[in-house]
Amino acid sequence: MSWLYVALGGSLGALLRVALSMSLNTSTFPWGILVVNCLGSFLIGFIYWYLVLNPSLIWLKYFLIGGFLGAFTTFSTYSLDTLLLLENRDYLKGVVYFIMTPCLSFICVFSGFTSARFLSV
């Protein structure tokens, strides 16, 4: 049943992400994605804490965190993972993860883009 909650939440999260980014982006700056990432990060922190206090609502974890926020923005999950490493006093791993994720992600998107451009010539 948990997969159904993830699927339903994910569908809604993806739709809202597209709607917000389309309505807020401008030709000069991707405001929509910035808003989505910040809002998603706030919501995942709030919801995670609420679920820590209410563990009987496990279905909400699947629907909201795994589904809705997972599709709304993976940046929120990255932010929560970083916070949990720091909360567990695993400071070195937290800082390394915090720095490595965006840097390696950028290198990978650049590599994919460059590879596709090279192969299409």
C-alpha atoms as a PDB file:
ATOM      1  CA  MET A   1       0.000   0.000   0.000  1.00  0.00           C
ATOM      2  CA  SER A   2       2.917   2.361   0.641  1.00  0.00           C
ATOM      3  CA  TRP A   3       3.772   2.489  -3.073  1.00  0.00           C
ATOM      4  CA  LEU A   4       0.262   3.782  -3.798  1.00  0.00           C
ATOM      5  CA  TYR A   5       0.744   6.653  -1.336  1.00  0.00           C
ATOM      6  CA  VAL A   6       4.094   7.494  -2.978  1.00  0.00           C
ATOM      7  CA  ALA A   7       2.560   7.383  -6.464  1.00  0.00           C
ATOM      8  CA  LEU A   8      -0.399   9.580  -5.553  1.00  0.00           C
ATOM      9  CA  GLY A   9       1.722  12.095  -3.677  1.00  0.00           C
ATOM     10  CA  GLY A  10       4.328  12.101  -6.435  1.00  0.00           C
ATOM     11  CA  SER A  11       1.736  12.869  -9.092  1.00  0.00           C
ATOM     12  CA  LEU A  12       0.479  15.871  -7.157  1.00  0.00           C
ATOM     13  CA  GLY A  13       3.974  17.078  -6.314  1.00  0.00           C
ATOM     14  CA  ALA A  14       5.151  16.920  -9.926  1.00  0.00           C
ATOM     15  CA  LEU A  15       2.077  18.792 -11.153  1.00  0.00           C
ATOM     16  CA  LEU A  16       2.511  21.533  -8.561  1.00  0.00           C
ATOM     17  CA  ARG A  17       6.235  21.860  -9.335  1.00  0.00           C
ATOM     18  CA  VAL A  18       5.519  22.389 -13.027  1.00  0.00           C
ATOM     19  CA  ALA A  19       2.679  24.829 -12.319  1.00  0.00           C
ATOM     20  CA  LEU A  20       4.775  26.926  -9.927  1.00  0.00           C
ATOM     21  CA  SER A  21       7.873  26.956 -12.089  1.00  0.00           C
ATOM     22  CA  MET A  22       5.863  27.904 -15.192  1.00  0.00           C
ATOM     23  CA  SER A  23       4.071  30.705 -13.388  1.00  0.00           C
ATOM     24  CA  LEU A  24       7.060  32.140 -11.500  1.00  0.00           C
ATOM     25  CA  ASN A  25      10.003  31.675 -13.873  1.00  0.00           C
ATOM     26  CA  THR A  26      11.106  34.691 -15.872  1.00  0.00           C
ATOM     27  CA  SER A  27      13.386  34.933 -18.876  1.00  0.00           C
ATOM     28  CA  THR A  28      16.158  36.265 -16.638  1.00  0.00           C
ATOM     29  CA  PHE A  29      16.025  33.968 -13.578  1.00  0.00           C
ATOM     30  CA  PRO A  30      14.450  30.608 -12.635  1.00  0.00           C
ATOM     31  CA  TRP A  31      12.429  32.017  -9.723  1.00  0.00           C
ATOM     32  CA  GLY A  32       9.949  29.152  -9.856  1.00  0.00           C
ATOM     33  CA  ILE A  33      12.520  26.453  -9.122  1.00  0.00           C
ATOM     34  CA  LEU A  34      14.103  28.577  -6.400  1.00  0.00           C
ATOM     35  CA  VAL A  35      10.690  28.965  -4.734  1.00  0.00           C
ATOM     36  CA  VAL A  36       9.951  25.250  -5.176  1.00  0.00           C
ATOM     37  CA  ASN A  37      13.285  24.241  -3.613  1.00  0.00           C
ATOM     38  CA  CYS A  38      12.918  26.617  -0.655  1.00  0.00           C
ATOM     39  CA  LEU A  39       9.266  25.777  -0.048  1.00  0.00           C
ATOM     40  CA  GLY A  40       9.931  22.055  -0.375  1.00  0.00           C
ATOM     41  CA  SER A  41      12.851  22.254   2.043  1.00  0.00           C
ATOM     42  CA  PHE A  42      10.741  24.110   4.595  1.00  0.00           C
ATOM     43  CA  LEU A  43       7.867  21.646   4.231  1.00  0.00           C
ATOM     44  CA  ILE A  44      10.036  18.544   4.546  1.00  0.00           C
ATOM     45  CA  GLY A  45      11.573  19.885   7.758  1.00  0.00           C
ATOM     46  CA  PHE A  46       8.176  20.735   9.192  1.00  0.00           C
ATOM     47  CA  ILE A  47       6.522  17.480   8.143  1.00  0.00           C
ATOM     48  CA  TYR A  48       9.450  15.320   9.253  1.00  0.00           C
ATOM     49  CA  TRP A  49       9.336  16.826  12.751  1.00  0.00           C
ATOM     50  CA  TYR A  50       5.566  16.434  12.894  1.00  0.00           C
ATOM     51  CA  LEU A  51       5.896  12.757  11.921  1.00  0.00           C
ATOM     52  CA  VAL A  52       8.599  12.195  14.569  1.00  0.00           C
ATOM     53  CA  LEU A  53       6.003  13.301  17.119  1.00  0.00           C
ATOM     54  CA  ASN A  54       3.231  11.239  15.452  1.00  0.00           C
ATOM     55  CA  PRO A  55       4.757   7.942  14.299  1.00  0.00           C
ATOM     56  CA  SER A  56       1.342   6.331  13.804  1.00  0.00           C
ATOM     57  CA  LEU A  57       0.876   8.491  10.685  1.00  0.00           C
ATOM     58  CA  ILE A  58       3.402   6.480   8.638  1.00  0.00           C
ATOM     59  CA  TRP A  59       1.197   6.698   5.544  1.00  0.00           C
ATOM     60  CA  LEU A  60       1.756  10.470   5.583  1.00  0.00           C
ATOM     61  CA  LYS A  61       5.500   9.875   5.409  1.00  0.00           C
ATOM     62  CA  TYR A  62       5.035   7.892   2.203  1.00  0.00           C
ATOM     63  CA  PHE A  63       2.492  10.298   0.716  1.00  0.00           C
ATOM     64  CA  LEU A  64       4.100  13.619   1.670  1.00  0.00           C
ATOM     65  CA  ILE A  65       7.838  12.955   1.969  1.00  0.00           C
ATOM     66  CA  GLY A  66       8.416  10.044  -0.410  1.00  0.00           C
ATOM     67  CA  GLY A  67       5.754  11.053  -2.904  1.00  0.00           C
ATOM     68  CA  PHE A  68       4.652  14.682  -2.894  1.00  0.00           C
ATOM     69  CA  LEU A  69       7.891  16.358  -1.799  1.00  0.00           C
ATOM     70  CA  GLY A  70      10.035  13.774  -3.591  1.00  0.00           C
ATOM     71  CA  ALA A  71       8.447  14.777  -6.891  1.00  0.00           C
ATOM     72  CA  PHE A  72       7.990  18.424  -5.940  1.00  0.00           C
ATOM     73  CA  THR A  73      11.716  18.820  -5.293  1.00  0.00           C
ATOM     74  CA  THR A  74      14.549  16.392  -4.609  1.00  0.00           C
ATOM     75  CA  PHE A  75      16.415  19.355  -3.151  1.00  0.00           C
ATOM     76  CA  SER A  76      14.241  19.068  -0.055  1.00  0.00           C
ATOM     77  CA  THR A  77      15.378  15.466   0.459  1.00  0.00           C
ATOM     78  CA  TYR A  78      19.003  16.523   0.000  1.00  0.00           C
ATOM     79  CA  SER A  79      18.476  19.239   2.612  1.00  0.00           C
ATOM     80  CA  LEU A  80      16.860  16.828   5.068  1.00  0.00           C
ATOM     81  CA  ASP A  81      19.614  14.219   4.579  1.00  0.00           C
ATOM     82  CA  THR A  82      22.212  16.898   5.313  1.00  0.00           C
ATOM     83  CA  LEU A  83      20.340  18.053   8.412  1.00  0.00           C
ATOM     84  CA  LEU A  84      19.982  14.501   9.735  1.00  0.00           C
ATOM     85  CA  LEU A  85      23.718  13.866   9.343  1.00  0.00           C
ATOM     86  CA  LEU A  86      24.427  17.067  11.285  1.00  0.00           C
ATOM     87  CA  GLU A  87      21.743  16.268  13.888  1.00  0.00           C
ATOM     88  CA  ASN A  88      23.436  12.891  14.430  1.00  0.00           C
ATOM     89  CA  ARG A  89      26.674  14.796  15.054  1.00  0.00           C
ATOM     90  CA  ASP A  90      28.251  13.299  11.953  1.00  0.00           C
ATOM     91  CA  TYR A  91      29.601  16.713  11.033  1.00  0.00           C
ATOM     92  CA  LEU A  92      32.270  15.649   8.559  1.00  0.00           C
ATOM     93  CA  LYS A  93      29.845  13.502   6.557  1.00  0.00           C
ATOM     94  CA  GLY A  94      27.244  16.269   6.717  1.00  0.00           C
ATOM     95  CA  VAL A  95      29.587  18.910   5.357  1.00  0.00           C
ATOM     96  CA  VAL A  96      31.039  16.585   2.717  1.00  0.00           C
ATOM     97  CA  TYR A  97      27.543  15.576   1.582  1.00  0.00           C
ATOM     98  CA  PHE A  98      26.408  19.211   1.581  1.00  0.00           C
ATOM     99  CA  ILE A  99      29.292  20.222  -0.693  1.00  0.00           C
ATOM    100  CA  MET A 100      29.561  17.094  -2.851  1.00  0.00           C
ATOM    101  CA  THR A 101      25.912  16.821  -3.883  1.00  0.00           C
ATOM    102  CA  PRO A 102      25.539  20.110  -5.781  1.00  0.00           C
ATOM    103  CA  CYS A 103      29.107  20.046  -7.101  1.00  0.00           C
ATOM    104  CA  LEU A 104      28.921  16.488  -8.447  1.00  0.00           C
ATOM    105  CA  SER A 105      25.395  17.058  -9.722  1.00  0.00           C
ATOM    106  CA  PHE A 106      26.570  20.074 -11.698  1.00  0.00           C
ATOM    107  CA  ILE A 107      29.558  18.146 -13.078  1.00  0.00           C
ATOM    108  CA  CYS A 108      27.207  15.324 -14.112  1.00  0.00           C
ATOM    109  CA  VAL A 109      24.676  17.604 -15.809  1.00  0.00           C
ATOM    110  CA  PHE A 110      27.512  19.404 -17.582  1.00  0.00           C
ATOM    111  CA  SER A 111      29.016  16.068 -18.673  1.00  0.00           C
ATOM    112  CA  GLY A 112      25.679  14.777 -19.933  1.00  0.00           C
ATOM    113  CA  PHE A 113      24.953  18.017 -21.779  1.00  0.00           C
ATOM    114  CA  THR A 114      28.428  18.128 -23.333  1.00  0.00           C
ATOM    115  CA  SER A 115      28.301  14.440 -24.301  1.00  0.00           C
ATOM    116  CA  ALA A 116      24.921  14.853 -25.967  1.00  0.00           C
ATOM    117  CA  ARG A 117      26.098  17.966 -27.806  1.00  0.00           C
ATOM    118  CA  PHE A 118      29.261  16.166 -28.978  1.00  0.00           C
ATOM    119  CA  LEU A 119      27.301  13.111 -30.165  1.00  0.00           C
ATOM    120  CA  SER A 120      24.764  15.211 -32.054  1.00  0.00           C
ATOM    121  CA  VAL A 121      27.362  16.951 -34.239  1.00  0.00           C
END
